[in-house]
C-alpha atoms as a PDB file:
ATOM      1  CA  MET A   1     -12.182 -13.000  -2.933  1.00  0.00           C
ATOM      2  CA  ARG A   2     -11.106 -13.851  -6.425  1.00  0.00           C
ATOM      3  CA  LEU A   3      -8.470 -16.541  -6.646  1.00  0.00           C
ATOM      4  CA  ARG A   4      -5.340 -15.638  -8.453  1.00  0.00           C
ATOM      5  CA  SER A   5      -4.467 -17.722 -11.552  1.00  0.00           C
ATOM      6  CA  ARG A   6      -0.787 -16.607 -12.307  1.00  0.00           C
ATOM      7  CA  TYR A   7       0.699 -18.168 -15.265  1.00  0.00           C
ATOM      8  CA  ALA A   8       3.032 -16.986 -18.038  1.00  0.00           C
ATOM      9  CA  LEU A   9       1.524 -15.452 -21.190  1.00  0.00           C
ATOM     10  CA  LEU A  10       2.399 -17.343 -24.253  1.00  0.00           C
ATOM     11  CA  ALA A  11       1.990 -16.303 -27.853  1.00  0.00           C
ATOM     12  CA  ALA A  12       2.893 -17.911 -31.301  1.00  0.00           C
ATOM     13  CA  ALA A  13       5.963 -15.651 -31.522  1.00  0.00           C
ATOM     14  CA  GLY A  14       7.011 -16.170 -27.806  1.00  0.00           C
ATOM     15  CA  LEU A  15       6.147 -14.342 -24.565  1.00  0.00           C
ATOM     16  CA  LEU A  16       3.957 -11.310 -24.709  1.00  0.00           C
ATOM     17  CA  SER A  17       5.101  -8.026 -23.010  1.00  0.00           C
ATOM     18  CA  PHE A  18       3.361  -4.684 -22.333  1.00  0.00           C
ATOM     19  CA  GLY A  19       5.815  -3.312 -25.127  1.00  0.00           C
ATOM     20  CA  CYS A  20       4.664  -5.525 -27.843  1.00  0.00           C
ATOM     21  CA  GLN A  21       0.992  -6.140 -26.996  1.00  0.00           C
ATOM     22  CA  THR A  22      -1.201  -5.288 -30.080  1.00  0.00           C
ATOM     23  CA  THR A  23      -4.808  -5.278 -31.146  1.00  0.00           C
ATOM     24  CA  THR A  24      -4.405  -4.846 -34.858  1.00  0.00           C
ATOM     25  CA  THR A  25      -7.531  -6.139 -36.708  1.00  0.00           C
ATOM     26  CA  PRO A  26      -7.929  -6.371 -40.534  1.00  0.00           C
ATOM     27  CA  VAL A  27     -10.276  -3.649 -41.971  1.00  0.00           C
ATOM     28  CA  GLY A  28     -13.874  -4.746 -42.461  1.00  0.00           C
ATOM     29  CA  THR A  29     -13.760  -7.166 -39.422  1.00  0.00           C
ATOM     30  CA  THR A  30     -15.101  -6.827 -35.869  1.00  0.00           C
ATOM     31  CA  GLN A  31     -13.088  -4.494 -33.804  1.00  0.00           C
ATOM     32  CA  PRO A  32     -11.975  -5.136 -30.199  1.00  0.00           C
ATOM     33  CA  LEU A  33     -13.642  -3.291 -27.373  1.00  0.00           C
ATOM     34  CA  PRO A  34     -12.157   0.038 -26.136  1.00  0.00           C
ATOM     35  CA  ALA A  35      -9.010  -0.305 -23.574  1.00  0.00           C
ATOM     36  CA  PRO A  36     -10.283   0.128 -19.856  1.00  0.00           C
ATOM     37  CA  ASN A  37      -9.926   3.557 -18.602  1.00  0.00           C
ATOM     38  CA  ASP A  38      -8.273   5.043 -15.340  1.00  0.00           C
ATOM     39  CA  LEU A  39      -6.892   1.943 -13.563  1.00  0.00           C
ATOM     40  CA  ARG A  40      -6.514   2.839  -9.873  1.00  0.00           C
ATOM     41  CA  SER A  41      -5.435   0.762  -6.734  1.00  0.00           C
ATOM     42  CA  ILE A  42      -5.541   0.522  -2.927  1.00  0.00           C
ATOM     43  CA  SER A  43      -2.600  -0.786  -1.163  1.00  0.00           C
ATOM     44  CA  LEU A  44      -3.520  -3.536   1.384  1.00  0.00           C
ATOM     45  CA  ASN A  45      -1.873  -5.945   3.715  1.00  0.00           C
ATOM     46  CA  GLU A  46      -0.422  -8.655   1.358  1.00  0.00           C
ATOM     47  CA  ALA A  47      -2.862  -7.627  -1.395  1.00  0.00           C
ATOM     48  CA  ILE A  48      -3.822  -4.937  -3.988  1.00  0.00           C
ATOM     49  CA  PHE A  49      -7.321  -3.815  -4.763  1.00  0.00           C
ATOM     50  CA  LEU A  50      -7.632  -2.807  -8.315  1.00  0.00           C
ATOM     51  CA  GLU A  51     -10.551  -0.865  -9.952  1.00  0.00           C
ATOM     52  CA  TRP A  52     -11.032   0.924 -13.321  1.00  0.00           C
ATOM     53  CA  THR A  53     -13.744   2.741 -15.446  1.00  0.00           C
ATOM     54  CA  ASP A  54     -16.329   0.250 -16.872  1.00  0.00           C
ATOM     55  CA  ASN A  55     -16.110   1.919 -20.239  1.00  0.00           C
ATOM     56  CA  ALA A  56     -15.202  -1.167 -22.106  1.00  0.00           C
ATOM     57  CA  ALA A  57     -18.379  -3.132 -21.044  1.00  0.00           C
ATOM     58  CA  LEU A  58     -20.709  -0.034 -21.434  1.00  0.00           C
ATOM     59  CA  SER A  59     -19.515   0.729 -24.896  1.00  0.00           C
ATOM     60  CA  ASP A  60     -21.096  -2.473 -26.165  1.00  0.00           C
ATOM     61  CA  PRO A  61     -22.814  -4.676 -23.429  1.00  0.00           C
ATOM     62  CA  GLY A  62     -24.030  -7.307 -25.806  1.00  0.00           C
ATOM     63  CA  ARG A  63     -20.385  -7.975 -26.905  1.00  0.00           C
ATOM     64  CA  PHE A  64     -18.529  -7.687 -23.501  1.00  0.00           C
ATOM     65  CA  ALA A  65     -17.367 -11.026 -22.052  1.00  0.00           C
ATOM     66  CA  TRP A  66     -14.868 -10.231 -19.286  1.00  0.00           C
ATOM     67  CA  TYR A  67     -11.795  -8.234 -18.195  1.00  0.00           C
ATOM     68  CA  ARG A  68      -8.425  -9.638 -17.875  1.00  0.00           C
ATOM     69  CA  VAL A  69      -5.988  -8.633 -15.349  1.00  0.00           C
ATOM     70  CA  TYR A  70      -2.179  -8.647 -15.758  1.00  0.00           C
ATOM     71  CA  SER A  71       0.843  -7.988 -13.493  1.00  0.00           C
ATOM     72  CA  ALA A  72       4.493  -7.681 -13.735  1.00  0.00           C
ATOM     73  CA  SER A  73       7.571  -6.602 -11.499  1.00  0.00           C
ATOM     74  CA  TYR A  74       8.262  -2.926 -11.114  1.00  0.00           C
ATOM     75  CA  ASP A  75      11.562  -1.069 -10.736  1.00  0.00           C
ATOM     76  CA  LEU A  76      11.010   1.739  -8.172  1.00  0.00           C
ATOM     77  CA  GLY A  77      14.306   3.372  -8.795  1.00  0.00           C
ATOM     78  CA  GLN A  78      13.694   3.562 -12.546  1.00  0.00           C
ATOM     79  CA  GLY A  79       9.918   3.938 -12.498  1.00  0.00           C
ATOM     80  CA  LEU A  80       9.409   1.298 -15.124  1.00  0.00           C
ATOM     81  CA  CYS A  81       7.465  -1.873 -15.266  1.00  0.00           C
ATOM     82  CA  GLY A  82       9.343  -5.093 -16.091  1.00  0.00           C
ATOM     83  CA  THR A  83       8.632  -7.359 -19.156  1.00  0.00           C
ATOM     84  CA  ASP A  84       7.723 -10.381 -17.026  1.00  0.00           C
ATOM     85  CA  TRP A  85       3.747  -9.886 -17.460  1.00  0.00           C
ATOM     86  CA  VAL A  86       1.622 -12.670 -16.155  1.00  0.00           C
ATOM     87  CA  ILE A  87      -2.183 -13.199 -15.961  1.00  0.00           C
ATOM     88  CA  GLU A  88      -3.671 -12.561 -12.460  1.00  0.00           C
ATOM     89  CA  GLY A  89      -6.973 -13.657 -13.370  1.00  0.00           C
ATOM     90  CA  THR A  90     -10.385 -12.430 -14.996  1.00  0.00           C
ATOM     91  CA  THR A  91     -13.487 -10.820 -13.782  1.00  0.00           C
ATOM     92  CA  ILE A  92     -16.755  -9.724 -15.199  1.00  0.00           C
ATOM     93  CA  SER A  93     -16.853  -6.593 -13.036  1.00  0.00           C
ATOM     94  CA  ASN A  94     -14.546  -3.485 -13.133  1.00  0.00           C
ATOM     95  CA  GLU A  95     -12.573  -4.505 -10.012  1.00  0.00           C
ATOM     96  CA  PHE A  96     -10.108  -7.224  -8.841  1.00  0.00           C
ATOM     97  CA  LEU A  97      -8.439  -8.192  -5.701  1.00  0.00           C
ATOM     98  CA  VAL A  98      -4.799  -9.392  -6.280  1.00  0.00           C
ATOM     99  CA  ALA A  99      -4.064 -11.517  -3.065  1.00  0.00           C
ATOM    100  CA  LEU A 100      -1.063 -13.516  -1.746  1.00  0.00           C
ATOM    101  CA  LEU A 101       1.374 -10.846  -2.434  1.00  0.00           C
ATOM    102  CA  THR A 102       4.610 -10.073  -0.540  1.00  0.00           C
ATOM    103  CA  ASN A 103       4.420  -6.948   1.563  1.00  0.00           C
ATOM    104  CA  GLY A 104       6.924  -4.354   0.453  1.00  0.00           C
ATOM    105  CA  VAL A 105       7.519  -5.727  -3.163  1.00  0.00           C
ATOM    106  CA  PRO A 106       6.070  -3.229  -5.884  1.00  0.00           C
ATOM    107  CA  ARG A 107       4.393  -4.584  -8.973  1.00  0.00           C
ATOM    108  CA  CYS A 108       2.767  -3.089 -12.066  1.00  0.00           C
ATOM    109  CA  TYR A 109      -0.815  -3.846 -13.219  1.00  0.00           C
ATOM    110  CA  ALA A 110      -2.846  -3.539 -16.417  1.00  0.00           C
ATOM    111  CA  THR A 111      -6.201  -4.794 -17.539  1.00  0.00           C
ATOM    112  CA  SER A 112      -7.871  -5.450 -20.878  1.00  0.00           C
ATOM    113  CA  ALA A 113     -11.427  -6.258 -22.057  1.00  0.00           C
ATOM    114  CA  ILE A 114     -12.292  -9.337 -23.913  1.00  0.00           C
ATOM    115  CA  SER A 115     -15.322  -9.441 -26.383  1.00  0.00           C
ATOM    116  CA  SER A 116     -17.568 -12.409 -27.021  1.00  0.00           C
ATOM    117  CA  GLU A 117     -15.664 -13.138 -30.256  1.00  0.00           C
ATOM    118  CA  GLY A 118     -12.606 -13.576 -28.109  1.00  0.00           C
ATOM    119  CA  LEU A 119     -10.908 -10.225 -29.218  1.00  0.00           C
ATOM    120  CA  GLU A 120      -8.662  -8.590 -26.594  1.00  0.00           C
ATOM    121  CA  SER A 121      -8.687  -4.902 -26.341  1.00  0.00           C
ATOM    122  CA  ALA A 122      -5.579  -2.600 -25.884  1.00  0.00           C
ATOM    123  CA  TRP A 123      -4.337  -2.601 -22.327  1.00  0.00           C
ATOM    124  CA  SER A 124      -5.167   0.104 -19.873  1.00  0.00           C
ATOM    125  CA  PRO A 125      -2.261   2.318 -18.970  1.00  0.00           C
ATOM    126  CA  PRO A 126      -0.004   0.437 -16.422  1.00  0.00           C
ATOM    127  CA  TRP A 127      -0.324   1.266 -12.666  1.00  0.00           C
ATOM    128  CA  GLN A 128       2.046   0.401  -9.835  1.00  0.00           C
ATOM    129  CA  ASP A 129       1.408  -0.305  -6.171  1.00  0.00           C
ATOM    130  CA  THR A 130       2.951  -1.979  -3.226  1.00  0.00           C
ATOM    131  CA  PRO A 131       1.231  -3.890  -0.446  1.00  0.00           C
ATOM    132  CA  ARG A 132       2.087  -3.220   3.186  1.00  0.00           C
ATOM    133  CA  PRO A 133       1.316  -4.485   6.613  1.00  0.00           C
ATOM    134  CA  ASP A 134      -1.052  -2.826   8.995  1.00  0.00           C
ATOM    135  CA  ALA A 135      -2.427  -3.578  12.516  1.00  0.00           C
ATOM    136  CA  ARG A 136      -5.219  -2.066  14.851  1.00  0.00           C
ATOM    137  CA  ASN A 137      -5.987  -1.579  18.430  1.00  0.00           C
ATOM    138  CA  VAL A 138      -2.409  -1.599  19.762  1.00  0.00           C
ATOM    139  CA  LEU A 139      -2.115  -0.769  23.542  1.00  0.00           C
ATOM    140  CA  VAL A 140       0.939   1.011  24.699  1.00  0.00           C
ATOM    141  CA  TYR A 141       1.221   2.345  28.336  1.00  0.00           C
ATOM    142  CA  THR A 142       2.872   5.428  29.596  1.00  0.00           C
ATOM    143  CA  ASN A 143       6.377   5.258  30.860  1.00  0.00           C
ATOM    144  CA  ALA A 144       5.215   6.304  34.338  1.00  0.00           C
ATOM    145  CA  GLU A 145       2.604   3.572  34.509  1.00  0.00           C
ATOM    146  CA  ASN A 146       4.376   0.639  32.847  1.00  0.00           C
ATOM    147  CA  LEU A 147       8.000   1.383  31.614  1.00  0.00           C
ATOM    148  CA  ALA A 148       8.143  -2.129  30.283  1.00  0.00           C
ATOM    149  CA  GLN A 149       5.343  -1.576  27.871  1.00  0.00           C
ATOM    150  CA  SER A 150       5.692   2.089  26.882  1.00  0.00           C
ATOM    151  CA  GLY A 151       7.938   1.781  23.919  1.00  0.00           C
ATOM    152  CA  PHE A 152       6.801   0.722  20.270  1.00  0.00           C
ATOM    153  CA  ARG A 153       8.581  -0.261  17.144  1.00  0.00           C
ATOM    154  CA  PHE A 154       6.634  -0.491  13.698  1.00  0.00           C
ATOM    155  CA  TRP A 155       8.967  -3.073  12.399  1.00  0.00           C
ATOM    156  CA  VAL A 156      11.723  -5.223  13.726  1.00  0.00           C
ATOM    157  CA  ASP A 157      13.501  -7.280  10.958  1.00  0.00           C
ATOM    158  CA  ALA A 158      14.689  -9.806  13.535  1.00  0.00           C
ATOM    159  CA  ASN A 159      16.111 -12.112  10.753  1.00  0.00           C
ATOM    160  CA  ASN A 160      17.442  -9.465   8.525  1.00  0.00           C
ATOM    161  CA  ASP A 161      15.695 -11.005   5.469  1.00  0.00           C
ATOM    162  CA  GLY A 162      13.993  -7.679   4.501  1.00  0.00           C
ATOM    163  CA  VAL A 163      10.420  -9.374   4.569  1.00  0.00           C
ATOM    164  CA  ALA A 164       7.947  -8.369   7.299  1.00  0.00           C
ATOM    165  CA  GLN A 165       6.911 -11.306   9.244  1.00  0.00           C
ATOM    166  CA  PRO A 166       3.685 -10.870  11.413  1.00  0.00           C
ATOM    167  CA  THR A 167       5.800 -11.430  14.664  1.00  0.00           C
ATOM    168  CA  GLU A 168       8.071  -8.591  13.555  1.00  0.00           C
ATOM    169  CA  LEU A 169       5.401  -5.872  13.246  1.00  0.00           C
ATOM    170  CA  GLY A 170       4.017  -3.620  15.924  1.00  0.00           C
ATOM    171  CA  ILE A 171       6.431  -4.647  18.685  1.00  0.00           C
ATOM    172  CA  VAL A 172       5.641  -3.158  22.152  1.00  0.00           C
ATOM    173  CA  THR A 173       8.901  -2.909  24.297  1.00  0.00           C
ATOM    174  CA  SER A 174      10.375  -1.193  27.038  1.00  0.00           C
ATOM    175  CA  GLY A 175      10.376   2.428  27.027  1.00  0.00           C
ATOM    176  CA  SER A 176      14.007   2.525  27.943  1.00  0.00           C
ATOM    177  CA  ASP A 177      15.061   0.881  24.685  1.00  0.00           C
ATOM    178  CA  PRO A 178      16.902   3.226  22.515  1.00  0.00           C
ATOM    179  CA  ASP A 179      15.897   1.462  19.307  1.00  0.00           C
ATOM    180  CA  ASN A 180      12.194   2.251  19.794  1.00  0.00           C
ATOM    181  CA  ASP A 181      10.607   4.312  17.154  1.00  0.00           C
ATOM    182  CA  VAL A 182       8.447   6.074  19.819  1.00  0.00           C
ATOM    183  CA  ARG A 183       7.889   6.041  23.601  1.00  0.00           C
ATOM    184  CA  ILE A 184       4.548   7.300  25.242  1.00  0.00           C
ATOM    185  CA  ASP A 185       5.218   9.864  28.024  1.00  0.00           C
ATOM    186  CA  LEU A 186       2.886  11.149  30.689  1.00  0.00           C
ATOM    187  CA  ASN A 187       3.055  14.864  31.561  1.00  0.00           C
ATOM    188  CA  PRO A 188       2.100  15.007  35.285  1.00  0.00           C
ATOM    189  CA  ALA A 189       1.243  18.686  35.230  1.00  0.00           C
ATOM    190  CA  ASP A 190      -1.985  18.076  33.150  1.00  0.00           C
ATOM    191  CA  SER A 191      -2.062  14.229  32.646  1.00  0.00           C
ATOM    192  CA  SER A 192      -1.572  14.583  28.976  1.00  0.00           C
ATOM    193  CA  LEU A 193       0.085  11.887  26.996  1.00  0.00           C
ATOM    194  CA  TRP A 194       2.821  12.581  24.304  1.00  0.00           C
ATOM    195  CA  ILE A 195       4.296  10.596  21.490  1.00  0.00           C
ATOM    196  CA  VAL A 196       8.009  10.819  21.708  1.00  0.00           C
ATOM    197  CA  PRO A 197      10.480   9.850  19.159  1.00  0.00           C
ATOM    198  CA  VAL A 198      13.229   7.815  20.560  1.00  0.00           C
ATOM    199  CA  PHE A 199      15.495   6.232  17.745  1.00  0.00           C
ATOM    200  CA  ALA A 200      17.986   8.865  16.417  1.00  0.00           C
ATOM    201  CA  GLY A 201      16.461   8.212  12.788  1.00  0.00           C
ATOM    202  CA  THR A 202      12.824   8.460  13.669  1.00  0.00           C
ATOM    203  CA  SER A 203      10.915  11.886  13.134  1.00  0.00           C
ATOM    204  CA  VAL A 204       7.235  12.623  13.091  1.00  0.00           C
ATOM    205  CA  GLN A 205       4.472  15.076  11.993  1.00  0.00           C
ATOM    206  CA  LEU A 206       0.852  15.458  12.278  1.00  0.00           C
ATOM    207  CA  TYR A 207      -1.014  14.062   9.154  1.00  0.00           C
ATOM    208  CA  SER A 208      -3.760  16.737   9.455  1.00  0.00           C
ATOM    209  CA  SER A 209      -4.616  19.600  11.896  1.00  0.00           C
ATOM    210  CA  GLU A 210      -7.966  17.967  12.232  1.00  0.00           C
ATOM    211  CA  PRO A 211      -9.101  14.537  13.492  1.00  0.00           C
ATOM    212  CA  ILE A 212      -9.198  11.981  10.664  1.00  0.00           C
ATOM    213  CA  ALA A 213     -12.123   9.377  10.192  1.00  0.00           C
ATOM    214  CA  ASP A 214      -9.895   6.237  10.118  1.00  0.00           C
ATOM    215  CA  LEU A 215      -6.456   4.952   9.562  1.00  0.00           C
ATOM    216  CA  THR A 216      -7.496   4.720   5.882  1.00  0.00           C
ATOM    217  CA  SER A 217      -7.300   8.430   5.666  1.00  0.00           C
ATOM    218  CA  ILE A 218      -3.573   8.258   5.853  1.00  0.00           C
ATOM    219  CA  ASP A 219      -3.020   7.286   2.259  1.00  0.00           C
ATOM    220  CA  ALA A 220       0.469   8.353   1.841  1.00  0.00           C
ATOM    221  CA  ALA A 221       3.247   9.917   4.134  1.00  0.00           C
ATOM    222  CA  ALA A 222       4.503  13.228   3.351  1.00  0.00           C
ATOM    223  CA  ALA A 223       8.105  13.502   1.579  1.00  0.00           C
ATOM    224  CA  SER A 224       9.390  16.181   4.043  1.00  0.00           C
ATOM    225  CA  GLY A 225       8.466  18.204   7.007  1.00  0.00           C
ATOM    226  CA  TYR A 226       9.313  15.710   9.838  1.00  0.00           C
ATOM    227  CA  ALA A 227      10.855  16.812  13.217  1.00  0.00           C
ATOM    228  CA  ARG A 228      11.835  15.169  16.476  1.00  0.00           C
ATOM    229  CA  ASP A 229       9.714  17.162  18.632  1.00  0.00           C
ATOM    230  CA  PRO A 230       7.210  15.056  20.924  1.00  0.00           C
ATOM    231  CA  LEU A 231       3.558  15.316  19.615  1.00  0.00           C
ATOM    232  CA  LEU A 232       0.465  15.656  21.888  1.00  0.00           C
ATOM    233  CA  ALA A 233      -1.592  12.394  21.579  1.00  0.00           C
ATOM    234  CA  GLN A 234      -5.104  13.250  20.772  1.00  0.00           C
ATOM    235  CA  PRO A 235      -8.063  11.031  19.873  1.00  0.00           C
ATOM    236  CA  GLY A 236      -8.863  10.652  16.215  1.00  0.00           C
ATOM    237  CA  PHE A 237      -5.655  12.442  15.003  1.00  0.00           C
ATOM    238  CA  GLY A 238      -3.304  10.783  12.592  1.00  0.00           C
ATOM    239  CA  TYR A 239       0.595  10.936  12.723  1.00  0.00           C
ATOM    240  CA  VAL A 240       3.029  10.100   9.965  1.00  0.00           C
ATOM    241  CA  PHE A 241       6.705   8.802  10.660  1.00  0.00           C
ATOM    242  CA  GLU A 242       9.805   9.013   8.686  1.00  0.00           C
ATOM    243  CA  ILE A 243      12.285   6.292   9.834  1.00  0.00           C
ATOM    244  CA  VAL A 244      15.939   6.516   8.653  1.00  0.00           C
ATOM    245  CA  GLU A 245      18.578   3.741   9.209  1.00  0.00           C
ATOM    246  CA  GLY A 246      21.821   4.341   7.311  1.00  0.00           C
ATOM    247  CA  LEU A 247      20.748   4.793   3.640  1.00  0.00           C
ATOM    248  CA  VAL A 248      17.466   3.298   4.161  1.00  0.00           C
ATOM    249  CA  LYS A 249      14.285   5.421   4.597  1.00  0.00           C
ATOM    250  CA  ARG A 250      10.876   3.978   5.558  1.00  0.00           C
ATOM    251  CA  TYR A 251       7.476   5.482   6.319  1.00  0.00           C
ATOM    252  CA  ALA A 252       4.814   4.603   8.796  1.00  0.00           C
ATOM    253  CA  GLY A 253       1.312   6.043   9.819  1.00  0.00           C
ATOM    254  CA  LEU A 254      -0.458   5.915  13.168  1.00  0.00           C
ATOM    255  CA  ARG A 255      -4.042   7.068  14.237  1.00  0.00           C
ATOM    256  CA  VAL A 256      -5.006   7.356  17.914  1.00  0.00           C
ATOM    257  CA  THR A 257      -8.141   5.742  18.786  1.00  0.00           C
ATOM    258  CA  HIS A 258      -8.198   6.188  22.537  1.00  0.00           C
ATOM    259  CA  VAL A 259      -6.122   8.449  25.079  1.00  0.00           C
ATOM    260  CA  GLY A 260      -6.480   7.166  28.650  1.00  0.00           C
ATOM    261  CA  ARG A 261      -4.833   8.348  31.738  1.00  0.00           C
ATOM    262  CA  GLN A 262      -2.326   5.479  31.698  1.00  0.00           C
ATOM    263  CA  TYR A 263      -2.281   4.175  28.268  1.00  0.00           C
ATOM    264  CA  LEU A 264      -2.715   4.862  24.550  1.00  0.00           C
ATOM    265  CA  ILE A 265      -4.511   2.815  21.932  1.00  0.00           C
ATOM    266  CA  PHE A 266      -3.829   3.365  18.205  1.00  0.00           C
ATOM    267  CA  ASP A 267      -3.848   1.791  14.756  1.00  0.00           C
ATOM    268  CA  PHE A 268      -0.816   1.743  12.593  1.00  0.00           C
ATOM    269  CA  SER A 269       0.450   0.910   9.052  1.00  0.00           C
ATOM    270  CA  VAL A 270       4.121   0.740   7.904  1.00  0.00           C
ATOM    271  CA  GLN A 271       5.552   0.467   4.456  1.00  0.00           C
ATOM    272  CA  THR A 272       8.410  -1.979   4.334  1.00  0.00           C
ATOM    273  CA  ASP A 273       9.447  -0.975   0.808  1.00  0.00           C
ATOM    274  CA  PRO A 274      12.280   1.537   1.385  1.00  0.00           C
ATOM    275  CA  GLY A 275      11.450   5.050   0.170  1.00  0.00           C
ATOM    276  CA  ASN A 276       7.779   4.176  -0.684  1.00  0.00           C
ATOM    277  CA  LEU A 277       5.220   6.741   0.710  1.00  0.00           C
ATOM    278  CA  GLU A 278       2.150   4.677   0.273  1.00  0.00           C
ATOM    279  CA  LEU A 279       0.484   3.771   3.558  1.00  0.00           C
ATOM    280  CA  ALA A 280      -3.388   3.322   2.862  1.00  0.00           C
ATOM    281  CA  PRO A 281      -4.663   0.211   4.870  1.00  0.00           C
ATOM    282  CA  PRO A 282      -7.232  -2.262   3.702  1.00  0.00           C
ATOM    283  CA  ARG A 283     -10.518  -0.302   4.605  1.00  0.00           C
ATOM    284  CA  GLY A 284     -11.878   2.653   2.917  1.00  0.00           C
ATOM    285  CA  PRO A 285     -11.856   4.057  -0.546  1.00  0.00           C
ATOM    286  CA  THR A 286      -8.484   5.945  -0.433  1.00  0.00           C
ATOM    287  CA  LEU A 287      -6.535   5.153  -3.686  1.00  0.00           C
ATOM    288  CA  THR A 288      -2.982   4.571  -3.687  1.00  0.00           C
ATOM    289  CA  GLY A 289      -0.246   3.760  -6.265  1.00  0.00           C
ATOM    290  CA  LYS A 290       0.384   5.730  -9.606  1.00  0.00           C
ATOM    291  CA  GLN A 291       0.303   5.464 -13.405  1.00  0.00           C
ATOM    292  CA  VAL A 292       3.652   4.475 -14.632  1.00  0.00           C
ATOM    293  CA  ALA A 293       5.639   4.056 -17.914  1.00  0.00           C
ATOM    294  CA  GLY A 294       5.524   0.772 -19.918  1.00  0.00           C
ATOM    295  CA  SER A 295       7.990  -2.035 -19.632  1.00  0.00           C
ATOM    296  CA  ARG A 296      11.815  -1.458 -19.720  1.00  0.00           C
END
């Protein structure tokens, strides 16, 4: 893991921002390397994995020195990056792990190429993404086998601070609790297990009509199409949830890993940033985030 080195960017005229960054070079002098192309990301738990095309290094390997990675705040409502750009760190490869982030807080990212002469290229187009929690191998019993452990909540914000703490995620509770997101029911007629939405604001849909390889396959929740009908729990299948509490809307994902006669085992991810559809967890190559406008 590359350690972050976050510090403010200072220039002779003051703070640099994405909006005023320039690479103008007098005619007849050495030119900067090309700007990195196609910045992309994967949303992780308290981290964001960034990667981009290695075009700057490949354009002139003898002059390439390293890449510099930047980040700034992001206004999800306006779809704009902030002007508070800072340096996250540097790397000689075309990838970077931004760690020690707060789940549910979106940020903008950009990268540039530095030449052996110390010249900085133009920045890549900015890209935003949001880290979010996930967990694996959660065991929940059927209501018939163990009512006290047949309910599940993706997130319980116990202290109302809007920040997901480890002890607030993936809570297995009594199946009789009306605040559960789901309950696991057993159909005695055929011994099938069913995922039942409980909380009035929780609805669900299948992520795919076929089994998925991993929780990583659920890169983003759908924006519509949810219902409160129970769904059959099937090994390998993915499910996405919309959870509405008042004016706040959040999304979660779940992949069933094992269906027993008395219990269910599954992996889950939850996006704590309201209205944010990104759910991809920390394994696998599924990309999240999106290219965004420059600074406001």
